[in-house]
């Protein structure tokens, strides 16, 4: 009997109760490529009209398999906390 091929995931599922990802809703993309974030999600994420979101993608086999969004304010803080110490180290030397 042939072995069943192990399923591969772009973003592997978390083990136990360590999951940080949830399917919050399903949205449709219109002819112009636009979609609507449901009101409940916008409220929970504190996303308001005019807010900017960074689109983060993950690839597998040269094809995007996962797309995430993060508020630009939070993304800036993450980049600064990551690059800040490296930049400081570069200029101190």
N, C-alpha and C. Protein backbone atom coordinates (compact mmCIF):
# COMPACT_ATOMS: atom_id res chain seq x y z
N UNK A 1 0.84 -1.18 0.00
CA UNK A 1 0.00 0.00 0.00
C UNK A 1 0.89 1.25 0.00
N UNK A 2 0.63 2.20 -0.88
CA UNK A 2 1.45 3.42 -0.98
C UNK A 2 1.21 4.31 0.23
N UNK A 3 2.32 4.92 0.67
CA UNK A 3 2.21 5.85 1.79
C UNK A 3 1.53 7.12 1.33
N UNK A 4 0.66 7.64 2.17
CA UNK A 4 -0.02 8.89 1.86
C UNK A 4 0.97 10.03 2.03
N UNK A 5 1.06 10.91 1.04
CA UNK A 5 1.98 12.05 1.09
C UNK A 5 1.56 12.99 2.22
N UNK A 6 2.53 13.35 3.05
CA UNK A 6 2.25 14.26 4.16
C UNK A 6 1.89 15.62 3.59
N UNK A 7 0.79 16.18 4.08
CA UNK A 7 0.32 17.48 3.60
C UNK A 7 1.28 18.58 4.03
N UNK A 8 1.60 19.48 3.09
CA UNK A 8 2.49 20.60 3.38
C UNK A 8 1.67 21.86 3.55
N UNK A 9 2.05 22.67 4.53
CA UNK A 9 1.36 23.92 4.80
C UNK A 9 2.32 25.08 4.60
N UNK A 10 1.79 26.18 4.10
CA UNK A 10 2.57 27.41 3.99
C UNK A 10 2.86 27.91 5.41
N UNK A 11 1.84 27.99 6.22
CA UNK A 11 1.94 28.40 7.61
C UNK A 11 1.51 27.19 8.42
N UNK A 12 2.47 26.44 8.96
CA UNK A 12 2.09 25.20 9.66
C UNK A 12 1.14 25.48 10.82
N UNK A 13 0.18 24.60 11.04
CA UNK A 13 -0.76 24.80 12.13
C UNK A 13 -0.05 24.73 13.48
N UNK A 14 -0.52 25.53 14.42
CA UNK A 14 0.08 25.55 15.76
C UNK A 14 -0.34 24.30 16.52
N UNK A 15 0.48 23.93 17.47
CA UNK A 15 0.19 22.75 18.28
C UNK A 15 -0.48 23.20 19.59
N UNK A 16 -1.45 22.43 20.03
CA UNK A 16 -2.10 22.72 21.30
C UNK A 16 -2.85 24.04 21.26
N UNK A 17 -2.75 24.79 22.37
CA UNK A 17 -3.48 26.05 22.46
C UNK A 17 -2.58 27.24 22.11
N UNK A 18 -1.51 27.01 21.34
CA UNK A 18 -0.56 28.06 20.99
C UNK A 18 -0.94 28.73 19.66
N UNK A 19 -2.14 28.52 19.18
CA UNK A 19 -2.54 29.06 17.89
C UNK A 19 -2.78 30.56 17.98
N UNK A 20 -2.21 31.30 17.04
CA UNK A 20 -2.43 32.73 17.01
C UNK A 20 -3.29 33.12 15.82
N UNK A 21 -3.60 32.18 14.96
CA UNK A 21 -4.34 32.48 13.74
C UNK A 21 -5.74 31.89 13.81
N UNK A 22 -6.70 32.69 13.37
CA UNK A 22 -8.09 32.25 13.32
C UNK A 22 -8.70 32.65 11.99
N UNK A 23 -9.63 31.86 11.50
CA UNK A 23 -10.41 32.27 10.35
C UNK A 23 -11.50 33.18 10.91
N UNK A 24 -11.38 34.46 10.62
CA UNK A 24 -12.31 35.45 11.17
C UNK A 24 -13.53 35.65 10.29
N UNK A 25 -13.34 35.58 8.98
CA UNK A 25 -14.45 35.76 8.07
C UNK A 25 -13.99 35.39 6.67
N UNK A 26 -14.93 35.32 5.78
CA UNK A 26 -14.63 35.09 4.37
C UNK A 26 -15.11 36.32 3.62
N UNK A 27 -14.25 36.89 2.78
CA UNK A 27 -14.61 38.08 2.01
C UNK A 27 -14.48 37.77 0.53
N UNK A 28 -15.15 38.56 -0.28
CA UNK A 28 -15.08 38.42 -1.73
C UNK A 28 -14.30 39.59 -2.31
N UNK A 29 -13.64 39.34 -3.41
CA UNK A 29 -12.92 40.38 -4.13
C UNK A 29 -13.77 40.75 -5.34
N UNK A 30 -14.02 42.07 -5.51
CA UNK A 30 -14.85 42.49 -6.64
C UNK A 30 -14.04 42.65 -7.92
N UNK A 31 -14.68 43.09 -8.98
CA UNK A 31 -14.03 43.23 -10.28
C UNK A 31 -12.84 44.19 -10.26
N UNK A 32 -12.87 45.14 -9.35
CA UNK A 32 -11.78 46.12 -9.25
C UNK A 32 -10.68 45.67 -8.28
N UNK A 33 -10.81 44.46 -7.73
CA UNK A 33 -9.80 43.95 -6.81
C UNK A 33 -10.00 44.43 -5.38
N UNK A 34 -11.15 44.99 -5.09
CA UNK A 34 -11.42 45.50 -3.76
C UNK A 34 -12.19 44.50 -2.92
N UNK A 35 -12.02 44.59 -1.61
CA UNK A 35 -12.78 43.77 -0.69
C UNK A 35 -13.14 44.62 0.52
N UNK A 36 -14.10 44.17 1.29
CA UNK A 36 -14.55 44.89 2.47
C UNK A 36 -14.18 44.08 3.70
N UNK A 37 -13.48 44.74 4.65
CA UNK A 37 -13.23 44.09 5.94
C UNK A 37 -14.50 44.24 6.77
N UNK A 38 -15.02 43.16 7.29
CA UNK A 38 -16.25 43.25 8.08
C UNK A 38 -16.09 44.21 9.27
N UNK A 39 -17.19 44.88 9.61
CA UNK A 39 -17.19 45.89 10.67
C UNK A 39 -16.64 45.34 11.99
N UNK A 40 -17.05 44.13 12.37
CA UNK A 40 -16.61 43.55 13.64
C UNK A 40 -15.08 43.41 13.68
N UNK A 41 -14.49 43.00 12.58
CA UNK A 41 -13.03 42.85 12.53
C UNK A 41 -12.36 44.21 12.58
N UNK A 42 -12.90 45.19 11.84
CA UNK A 42 -12.33 46.55 11.89
C UNK A 42 -12.37 47.10 13.29
N UNK A 43 -13.48 46.88 13.99
CA UNK A 43 -13.60 47.38 15.37
C UNK A 43 -12.61 46.68 16.29
N UNK A 44 -12.53 45.35 16.21
CA UNK A 44 -11.62 44.60 17.09
C UNK A 44 -10.16 44.94 16.82
N UNK A 45 -9.82 45.26 15.55
CA UNK A 45 -8.45 45.59 15.18
C UNK A 45 -8.20 47.10 15.26
N UNK A 46 -9.21 47.86 15.64
CA UNK A 46 -9.12 49.32 15.74
C UNK A 46 -8.66 49.93 14.41
N UNK A 47 -9.24 49.44 13.32
CA UNK A 47 -8.93 49.96 11.99
C UNK A 47 -10.02 50.97 11.63
N UNK A 48 -9.57 52.18 11.31
CA UNK A 48 -10.49 53.25 10.97
C UNK A 48 -10.21 53.73 9.55
N UNK A 49 -11.18 54.47 8.97
CA UNK A 49 -11.02 55.02 7.63
C UNK A 49 -9.72 55.83 7.57
N UNK A 50 -8.94 55.61 6.55
CA UNK A 50 -7.67 56.33 6.37
C UNK A 50 -6.47 55.61 6.95
N UNK A 51 -6.68 54.61 7.81
CA UNK A 51 -5.54 53.84 8.35
C UNK A 51 -4.84 53.12 7.20
N UNK A 52 -3.54 52.96 7.35
CA UNK A 52 -2.76 52.24 6.34
C UNK A 52 -2.40 50.87 6.90
N UNK A 53 -2.45 49.87 6.01
CA UNK A 53 -2.11 48.51 6.38
C UNK A 53 -0.98 48.02 5.49
N UNK A 54 -0.01 47.33 6.09
CA UNK A 54 1.06 46.70 5.32
C UNK A 54 0.57 45.30 4.95
N UNK A 55 0.79 44.91 3.71
CA UNK A 55 0.42 43.58 3.24
C UNK A 55 1.67 42.71 3.29
N UNK A 56 1.61 41.63 4.05
CA UNK A 56 2.73 40.71 4.23
C UNK A 56 2.35 39.41 3.52
N UNK A 57 3.25 38.91 2.67
CA UNK A 57 2.95 37.66 1.98
C UNK A 57 4.02 36.62 2.27
N UNK A 58 3.62 35.37 2.16
CA UNK A 58 4.55 34.25 2.28
C UNK A 58 4.44 33.44 1.00
N UNK A 59 5.58 32.94 0.55
CA UNK A 59 5.61 32.17 -0.70
C UNK A 59 6.05 30.74 -0.45
N UNK A 60 5.55 29.88 -1.31
CA UNK A 60 6.03 28.50 -1.36
C UNK A 60 6.02 28.11 -2.83
N UNK A 61 7.15 27.65 -3.30
CA UNK A 61 7.25 27.25 -4.70
C UNK A 61 7.07 28.41 -5.66
N UNK A 62 7.47 29.61 -5.24
CA UNK A 62 7.37 30.78 -6.10
C UNK A 62 5.97 31.36 -6.22
N UNK A 63 5.04 30.86 -5.42
CA UNK A 63 3.66 31.32 -5.48
C UNK A 63 3.22 31.78 -4.09
N UNK A 64 2.53 32.92 -4.03
CA UNK A 64 2.04 33.41 -2.74
C UNK A 64 0.98 32.45 -2.23
N UNK A 65 1.16 32.01 -0.98
CA UNK A 65 0.21 31.06 -0.40
C UNK A 65 -0.49 31.63 0.83
N UNK A 66 0.01 32.76 1.36
CA UNK A 66 -0.57 33.31 2.57
C UNK A 66 -0.40 34.83 2.54
N UNK A 67 -1.46 35.55 2.84
CA UNK A 67 -1.42 37.01 2.87
C UNK A 67 -1.94 37.47 4.22
N UNK A 68 -1.19 38.37 4.87
CA UNK A 68 -1.59 38.94 6.15
C UNK A 68 -1.55 40.45 6.05
N UNK A 69 -2.27 41.11 6.94
CA UNK A 69 -2.25 42.58 7.01
C UNK A 69 -1.89 43.00 8.42
N UNK A 70 -1.12 44.08 8.53
CA UNK A 70 -0.78 44.62 9.84
C UNK A 70 -0.83 46.14 9.74
N UNK A 71 -1.37 46.76 10.77
CA UNK A 71 -1.44 48.22 10.78
C UNK A 71 -0.03 48.78 10.67
N UNK A 72 0.13 49.81 9.85
CA UNK A 72 1.46 50.34 9.56
C UNK A 72 2.15 50.84 10.83
N UNK A 73 1.40 51.39 11.79
CA UNK A 73 2.01 51.86 13.04
C UNK A 73 2.70 50.71 13.77
N UNK A 74 2.03 49.57 13.85
CA UNK A 74 2.60 48.41 14.53
C UNK A 74 3.77 47.84 13.73
N UNK A 75 3.65 47.88 12.41
CA UNK A 75 4.72 47.38 11.55
C UNK A 75 5.97 48.24 11.71
N UNK A 76 5.81 49.56 11.77
CA UNK A 76 6.95 50.46 11.97
C UNK A 76 7.65 50.15 13.28
N UNK A 77 6.87 49.94 14.35
CA UNK A 77 7.46 49.62 15.66
C UNK A 77 8.25 48.32 15.60
N UNK A 78 7.72 47.32 14.89
CA UNK A 78 8.42 46.04 14.78
C UNK A 78 9.73 46.21 14.02
N UNK A 79 9.70 46.96 12.92
CA UNK A 79 10.90 47.18 12.12
C UNK A 79 11.94 47.95 12.93
N UNK A 80 11.50 48.99 13.64
CA UNK A 80 12.43 49.79 14.46
C UNK A 80 13.06 48.93 15.56
N UNK A 81 12.26 48.10 16.22
CA UNK A 81 12.81 47.28 17.30
C UNK A 81 13.78 46.23 16.76
N UNK A 82 13.56 45.80 15.52
CA UNK A 82 14.44 44.81 14.91
C UNK A 82 15.71 45.47 14.36
N UNK A 83 15.54 46.55 13.60
CA UNK A 83 16.69 47.20 12.95
C UNK A 83 17.44 48.16 13.87
N UNK A 84 16.74 48.76 14.83
CA UNK A 84 17.37 49.75 15.71
C UNK A 84 18.66 49.27 16.33
N UNK A 85 18.66 48.13 17.04
CA UNK A 85 19.88 47.65 17.66
C UNK A 85 20.99 47.35 16.64
N UNK A 86 20.63 46.85 15.47
CA UNK A 86 21.65 46.57 14.44
C UNK A 86 22.25 47.86 13.93
N UNK A 87 21.41 48.87 13.69
CA UNK A 87 21.91 50.14 13.19
C UNK A 87 22.80 50.83 14.23
N UNK A 88 22.39 50.76 15.48
CA UNK A 88 23.17 51.36 16.56
C UNK A 88 24.55 50.72 16.62
N UNK A 89 24.59 49.40 16.50
CA UNK A 89 25.83 48.66 16.54
C UNK A 89 26.75 49.06 15.38
N UNK A 90 26.15 49.26 14.21
CA UNK A 90 26.94 49.62 13.03
C UNK A 90 27.62 50.99 13.20
N UNK A 91 26.88 51.94 13.80
CA UNK A 91 27.41 53.29 13.92
C UNK A 91 28.34 53.46 15.11
N UNK A 92 28.26 52.57 16.08
CA UNK A 92 29.15 52.64 17.24
C UNK A 92 30.54 52.18 16.88
N UNK A 93 30.66 51.24 15.96
CA UNK A 93 31.96 50.67 15.59
C UNK A 93 32.83 51.64 14.88
